[in-house]
């Protein structure tokens, strides 16, 4: 698996720094990306397209430098199905590791009980559904494509629509 133990430990420390005390909306990605980018470093594709979707939905969203603190204050949080990058592995190995990640995601959902879960990659939809079932919990769930390979606009519009709807209902 790509991603050293040091990388994973650093990513988890960043996640903890930005974890809200009460998670209102849980975004679930497949894994941290291979390479030198990470959502909570504010430099990944997912970060940029998430920020852009929020700016489409809420005019008062802060600039990119302040976005992660604001995201946390609003009760939003991103976790991954797999703790280390898997996007460079074969389809078979990725599927296997996604299934292996389901119990951990189920435990996280059980512990945090987010009212809303948004899977950010259609290929992990079934994994997230199974984790929710294993958690014996029924949040509102949404499934969006990952913002790459021509799906950037679809992701941004989809997330912006969800954000606007949740803001109207006061779920931050």
C-alpha atoms as a PDB file:
ATOM      1  CA  UNK A   1       0.000   0.000   0.000  1.00  0.00           C
ATOM      2  CA  UNK A   2       1.268   3.470  -0.825  1.00  0.00           C
ATOM      3  CA  UNK A   3       1.657   6.018   1.926  1.00  0.00           C
ATOM      4  CA  UNK A   4       4.145   5.452   4.695  1.00  0.00           C
ATOM      5  CA  UNK A   5       3.177   5.003   8.328  1.00  0.00           C
ATOM      6  CA  UNK A   6       4.519   8.532   8.886  1.00  0.00           C
ATOM      7  CA  UNK A   7       2.216   9.901   6.182  1.00  0.00           C
ATOM      8  CA  UNK A   8      -0.802   8.135   7.658  1.00  0.00           C
ATOM      9  CA  UNK A   9       0.061   9.387  11.167  1.00  0.00           C
ATOM     10  CA  UNK A  10       0.428  12.968   9.868  1.00  0.00           C
ATOM     11  CA  UNK A  11      -2.860  12.757   7.992  1.00  0.00           C
ATOM     12  CA  UNK A  12      -4.657  11.425  11.065  1.00  0.00           C
ATOM     13  CA  UNK A  13      -3.204  14.240  13.192  1.00  0.00           C
ATOM     14  CA  UNK A  14      -4.502  16.776  10.654  1.00  0.00           C
ATOM     15  CA  UNK A  15      -7.906  15.087  10.627  1.00  0.00           C
ATOM     16  CA  UNK A  16      -8.087  15.310  14.433  1.00  0.00           C
ATOM     17  CA  UNK A  17      -7.181  19.006  14.274  1.00  0.00           C
ATOM     18  CA  UNK A  18     -10.103  19.683  11.970  1.00  0.00           C
ATOM     19  CA  UNK A  19     -12.634  17.293  13.510  1.00  0.00           C
ATOM     20  CA  UNK A  20     -15.662  19.128  14.874  1.00  0.00           C
ATOM     21  CA  UNK A  21     -16.912  18.140  18.312  1.00  0.00           C
ATOM     22  CA  UNK A  22     -20.250  17.269  16.691  1.00  0.00           C
ATOM     23  CA  UNK A  23     -20.180  16.098  13.071  1.00  0.00           C
ATOM     24  CA  UNK A  24     -23.218  17.384  11.192  1.00  0.00           C
ATOM     25  CA  UNK A  25     -22.134  16.218   7.743  1.00  0.00           C
ATOM     26  CA  UNK A  26     -19.633  13.455   7.067  1.00  0.00           C
ATOM     27  CA  UNK A  27     -17.931  13.358   3.678  1.00  0.00           C
ATOM     28  CA  UNK A  28     -16.395   9.974   2.865  1.00  0.00           C
ATOM     29  CA  UNK A  29     -13.633   9.667   0.289  1.00  0.00           C
ATOM     30  CA  UNK A  30     -11.961   6.528  -0.966  1.00  0.00           C
ATOM     31  CA  UNK A  31      -8.492   7.253   0.474  1.00  0.00           C
ATOM     32  CA  UNK A  32      -5.956  10.052   0.731  1.00  0.00           C
ATOM     33  CA  UNK A  33      -4.471  10.647  -2.723  1.00  0.00           C
ATOM     34  CA  UNK A  34      -1.103   9.245  -3.678  1.00  0.00           C
ATOM     35  CA  UNK A  35       1.386  12.097  -3.823  1.00  0.00           C
ATOM     36  CA  UNK A  36       1.911  15.275  -1.880  1.00  0.00           C
ATOM     37  CA  UNK A  37      -1.680  16.464  -1.602  1.00  0.00           C
ATOM     38  CA  UNK A  38      -4.259  15.987   1.139  1.00  0.00           C
ATOM     39  CA  UNK A  39      -7.666  17.535   1.797  1.00  0.00           C
ATOM     40  CA  UNK A  40      -6.665  18.866   5.225  1.00  0.00           C
ATOM     41  CA  UNK A  41      -3.479  20.375   3.783  1.00  0.00           C
ATOM     42  CA  UNK A  42      -5.807  22.458   1.601  1.00  0.00           C
ATOM     43  CA  UNK A  43      -4.118  21.417  -1.623  1.00  0.00           C
ATOM     44  CA  UNK A  44      -5.941  18.403  -3.087  1.00  0.00           C
ATOM     45  CA  UNK A  45      -8.403  18.265  -5.977  1.00  0.00           C
ATOM     46  CA  UNK A  46     -11.125  17.304  -3.515  1.00  0.00           C
ATOM     47  CA  UNK A  47     -10.326  20.327  -1.344  1.00  0.00           C
ATOM     48  CA  UNK A  48     -10.423  22.779  -4.255  1.00  0.00           C
ATOM     49  CA  UNK A  49     -13.648  21.458  -5.740  1.00  0.00           C
ATOM     50  CA  UNK A  50     -15.287  21.255  -2.314  1.00  0.00           C
ATOM     51  CA  UNK A  51     -14.359  24.873  -1.629  1.00  0.00           C
ATOM     52  CA  UNK A  52     -15.669  25.873  -5.062  1.00  0.00           C
ATOM     53  CA  UNK A  53     -18.975  24.040  -4.434  1.00  0.00           C
ATOM     54  CA  UNK A  54     -19.380  25.852  -1.122  1.00  0.00           C
ATOM     55  CA  UNK A  55     -18.694  29.214  -2.768  1.00  0.00           C
ATOM     56  CA  UNK A  56     -21.400  28.411  -5.317  1.00  0.00           C
ATOM     57  CA  UNK A  57     -23.875  27.654  -2.519  1.00  0.00           C
ATOM     58  CA  UNK A  58     -22.971  30.231   0.135  1.00  0.00           C
ATOM     59  CA  UNK A  59     -21.750  33.695  -0.850  1.00  0.00           C
ATOM     60  CA  UNK A  60     -20.088  34.290   2.540  1.00  0.00           C
ATOM     61  CA  UNK A  61     -17.725  31.288   2.424  1.00  0.00           C
ATOM     62  CA  UNK A  62     -14.251  32.390   3.508  1.00  0.00           C
ATOM     63  CA  UNK A  63     -11.198  32.345   1.263  1.00  0.00           C
ATOM     64  CA  UNK A  64      -9.247  29.112   0.826  1.00  0.00           C
ATOM     65  CA  UNK A  65      -6.852  29.968   3.663  1.00  0.00           C
ATOM     66  CA  UNK A  66      -9.695  30.121   6.200  1.00  0.00           C
ATOM     67  CA  UNK A  67     -11.950  27.475   4.668  1.00  0.00           C
ATOM     68  CA  UNK A  68     -10.860  24.440   6.708  1.00  0.00           C
ATOM     69  CA  UNK A  69     -11.461  26.160  10.052  1.00  0.00           C
ATOM     70  CA  UNK A  70     -14.845  27.370   8.797  1.00  0.00           C
ATOM     71  CA  UNK A  71     -15.661  23.867   7.439  1.00  0.00           C
ATOM     72  CA  UNK A  72     -14.950  22.473  10.928  1.00  0.00           C
ATOM     73  CA  UNK A  73     -16.974  25.217  12.638  1.00  0.00           C
ATOM     74  CA  UNK A  74     -19.921  24.351  10.392  1.00  0.00           C
ATOM     75  CA  UNK A  75     -19.740  20.723  11.562  1.00  0.00           C
ATOM     76  CA  UNK A  76     -18.457  19.252   8.299  1.00  0.00           C
ATOM     77  CA  UNK A  77     -15.774  16.564   8.303  1.00  0.00           C
ATOM     78  CA  UNK A  78     -14.005  14.391   5.756  1.00  0.00           C
ATOM     79  CA  UNK A  79     -12.816  10.878   6.452  1.00  0.00           C
ATOM     80  CA  UNK A  80     -11.688   8.145   4.096  1.00  0.00           C
ATOM     81  CA  UNK A  81     -12.781   4.559   3.657  1.00  0.00           C
ATOM     82  CA  UNK A  82      -9.110   3.517   3.497  1.00  0.00           C
ATOM     83  CA  UNK A  83      -6.404   5.186   5.644  1.00  0.00           C
ATOM     84  CA  UNK A  84      -3.613   5.035   3.047  1.00  0.00           C
ATOM     85  CA  UNK A  85      -3.663   5.855  -0.682  1.00  0.00           C
ATOM     86  CA  UNK A  86      -5.082   3.157  -2.934  1.00  0.00           C
ATOM     87  CA  UNK A  87      -5.682   5.162  -6.119  1.00  0.00           C
ATOM     88  CA  UNK A  88      -2.534   3.767  -7.724  1.00  0.00           C
ATOM     89  CA  UNK A  89      -3.461   0.104  -7.179  1.00  0.00           C
ATOM     90  CA  UNK A  90      -5.208  -2.370  -9.477  1.00  0.00           C
ATOM     91  CA  UNK A  91      -9.003  -2.353  -9.599  1.00  0.00           C
ATOM     92  CA  UNK A  92      -9.088  -5.745  -7.876  1.00  0.00           C
ATOM     93  CA  UNK A  93      -6.838  -4.628  -5.005  1.00  0.00           C
ATOM     94  CA  UNK A  94      -8.759  -1.352  -4.630  1.00  0.00           C
ATOM     95  CA  UNK A  95     -12.062  -3.231  -4.366  1.00  0.00           C
ATOM     96  CA  UNK A  96     -10.547  -5.559  -1.760  1.00  0.00           C
ATOM     97  CA  UNK A  97      -9.171  -2.678   0.334  1.00  0.00           C
ATOM     98  CA  UNK A  98     -12.460  -0.774   0.107  1.00  0.00           C
ATOM     99  CA  UNK A  99     -14.273  -3.791   1.574  1.00  0.00           C
ATOM    100  CA  UNK A 100     -11.587  -4.027   4.271  1.00  0.00           C
ATOM    101  CA  UNK A 101     -12.316  -0.379   5.159  1.00  0.00           C
ATOM    102  CA  UNK A 102     -16.047  -0.888   5.723  1.00  0.00           C
ATOM    103  CA  UNK A 103     -15.872  -2.019   9.400  1.00  0.00           C
ATOM    104  CA  UNK A 104     -13.724   0.986  10.365  1.00  0.00           C
ATOM    105  CA  UNK A 105     -16.131   3.370   8.630  1.00  0.00           C
ATOM    106  CA  UNK A 106     -19.064   1.623  10.308  1.00  0.00           C
ATOM    107  CA  UNK A 107     -17.413   2.130  13.729  1.00  0.00           C
ATOM    108  CA  UNK A 108     -16.777   5.788  12.927  1.00  0.00           C
ATOM    109  CA  UNK A 109     -20.401   6.311  11.880  1.00  0.00           C
ATOM    110  CA  UNK A 110     -21.627   4.504  15.004  1.00  0.00           C
ATOM    111  CA  UNK A 111     -19.456   6.712  17.237  1.00  0.00           C
ATOM    112  CA  UNK A 112     -20.052  10.058  15.509  1.00  0.00           C
ATOM    113  CA  UNK A 113     -23.678   9.574  14.382  1.00  0.00           C
ATOM    114  CA  UNK A 114     -23.622  12.229  11.642  1.00  0.00           C
ATOM    115  CA  UNK A 115     -27.099  13.214  10.446  1.00  0.00           C
ATOM    116  CA  UNK A 116     -25.807  13.351   6.854  1.00  0.00           C
ATOM    117  CA  UNK A 117     -23.234  11.202   5.033  1.00  0.00           C
ATOM    118  CA  UNK A 118     -21.949  12.094   1.571  1.00  0.00           C
ATOM    119  CA  UNK A 119     -19.847   9.554  -0.319  1.00  0.00           C
ATOM    120  CA  UNK A 120     -17.438  11.324  -2.638  1.00  0.00           C
ATOM    121  CA  UNK A 121     -16.823   8.739  -5.337  1.00  0.00           C
ATOM    122  CA  UNK A 122     -19.497   6.649  -6.972  1.00  0.00           C
ATOM    123  CA  UNK A 123     -17.239   3.584  -6.917  1.00  0.00           C
ATOM    124  CA  UNK A 124     -17.451   3.518  -3.091  1.00  0.00           C
ATOM    125  CA  UNK A 125     -21.228   3.902  -2.905  1.00  0.00           C
ATOM    126  CA  UNK A 126     -21.863   0.245  -2.061  1.00  0.00           C
ATOM    127  CA  UNK A 127     -19.047   0.235   0.507  1.00  0.00           C
ATOM    128  CA  UNK A 128     -20.529   3.272   2.240  1.00  0.00           C
ATOM    129  CA  UNK A 129     -24.027   1.768   2.106  1.00  0.00           C
ATOM    130  CA  UNK A 130     -22.739  -1.446   3.719  1.00  0.00           C
ATOM    131  CA  UNK A 131     -20.851   0.510   6.400  1.00  0.00           C
ATOM    132  CA  UNK A 132     -24.015   2.474   7.212  1.00  0.00           C
ATOM    133  CA  UNK A 133     -25.946  -0.800   7.474  1.00  0.00           C
ATOM    134  CA  UNK A 134     -23.223  -2.295   9.710  1.00  0.00           C
ATOM    135  CA  UNK A 135     -23.448   0.830  11.896  1.00  0.00           C
ATOM    136  CA  UNK A 136     -27.150   0.115  12.390  1.00  0.00           C
ATOM    137  CA  UNK A 137     -27.784   3.793  11.830  1.00  0.00           C
ATOM    138  CA  UNK A 138     -29.715   5.592   9.116  1.00  0.00           C
ATOM    139  CA  UNK A 139     -28.335   9.010   8.197  1.00  0.00           C
ATOM    140  CA  UNK A 140     -29.457  10.962   5.175  1.00  0.00           C
ATOM    141  CA  UNK A 141     -27.072   9.720   2.490  1.00  0.00           C
ATOM    142  CA  UNK A 142     -25.883  11.221  -0.782  1.00  0.00           C
ATOM    143  CA  UNK A 143     -23.514   9.862  -3.414  1.00  0.00           C
ATOM    144  CA  UNK A 144     -21.440  12.121  -5.656  1.00  0.00           C
ATOM    145  CA  UNK A 145     -18.812  11.445  -8.314  1.00  0.00           C
ATOM    146  CA  UNK A 146     -15.215  12.249  -7.429  1.00  0.00           C
ATOM    147  CA  UNK A 147     -14.214  15.614  -8.935  1.00  0.00           C
ATOM    148  CA  UNK A 148     -11.831  14.306 -11.601  1.00  0.00           C
ATOM    149  CA  UNK A 149     -11.931  12.872 -15.134  1.00  0.00           C
ATOM    150  CA  UNK A 150     -14.571  15.337 -16.322  1.00  0.00           C
ATOM    151  CA  UNK A 151     -16.815  15.027 -13.247  1.00  0.00           C
ATOM    152  CA  UNK A 152     -15.643  18.253 -11.593  1.00  0.00           C
ATOM    153  CA  UNK A 153     -18.684  20.300 -12.579  1.00  0.00           C
ATOM    154  CA  UNK A 154     -21.092  17.494 -11.683  1.00  0.00           C
ATOM    155  CA  UNK A 155     -19.457  17.174  -8.246  1.00  0.00           C
ATOM    156  CA  UNK A 156     -19.496  20.935  -7.633  1.00  0.00           C
ATOM    157  CA  UNK A 157     -23.127  21.370  -8.713  1.00  0.00           C
ATOM    158  CA  UNK A 158     -24.216  18.294  -6.742  1.00  0.00           C
ATOM    159  CA  UNK A 159     -22.438  19.338  -3.564  1.00  0.00           C
ATOM    160  CA  UNK A 160     -23.614  22.949  -3.927  1.00  0.00           C
ATOM    161  CA  UNK A 161     -27.213  21.712  -4.195  1.00  0.00           C
ATOM    162  CA  UNK A 162     -26.806  19.569  -1.074  1.00  0.00           C
ATOM    163  CA  UNK A 163     -25.172  22.454   0.825  1.00  0.00           C
ATOM    164  CA  UNK A 164     -27.972  24.874  -0.105  1.00  0.00           C
ATOM    165  CA  UNK A 165     -30.610  22.340   0.924  1.00  0.00           C
ATOM    166  CA  UNK A 166     -28.917  21.579   4.237  1.00  0.00           C
ATOM    167  CA  UNK A 167     -28.456  25.271   5.010  1.00  0.00           C
ATOM    168  CA  UNK A 168     -32.163  25.848   4.421  1.00  0.00           C
ATOM    169  CA  UNK A 169     -32.872  23.066   6.917  1.00  0.00           C
ATOM    170  CA  UNK A 170     -30.205  24.452   9.274  1.00  0.00           C
ATOM    171  CA  UNK A 171     -28.080  21.312   9.174  1.00  0.00           C
ATOM    172  CA  UNK A 172     -24.668  22.822   8.938  1.00  0.00           C
END
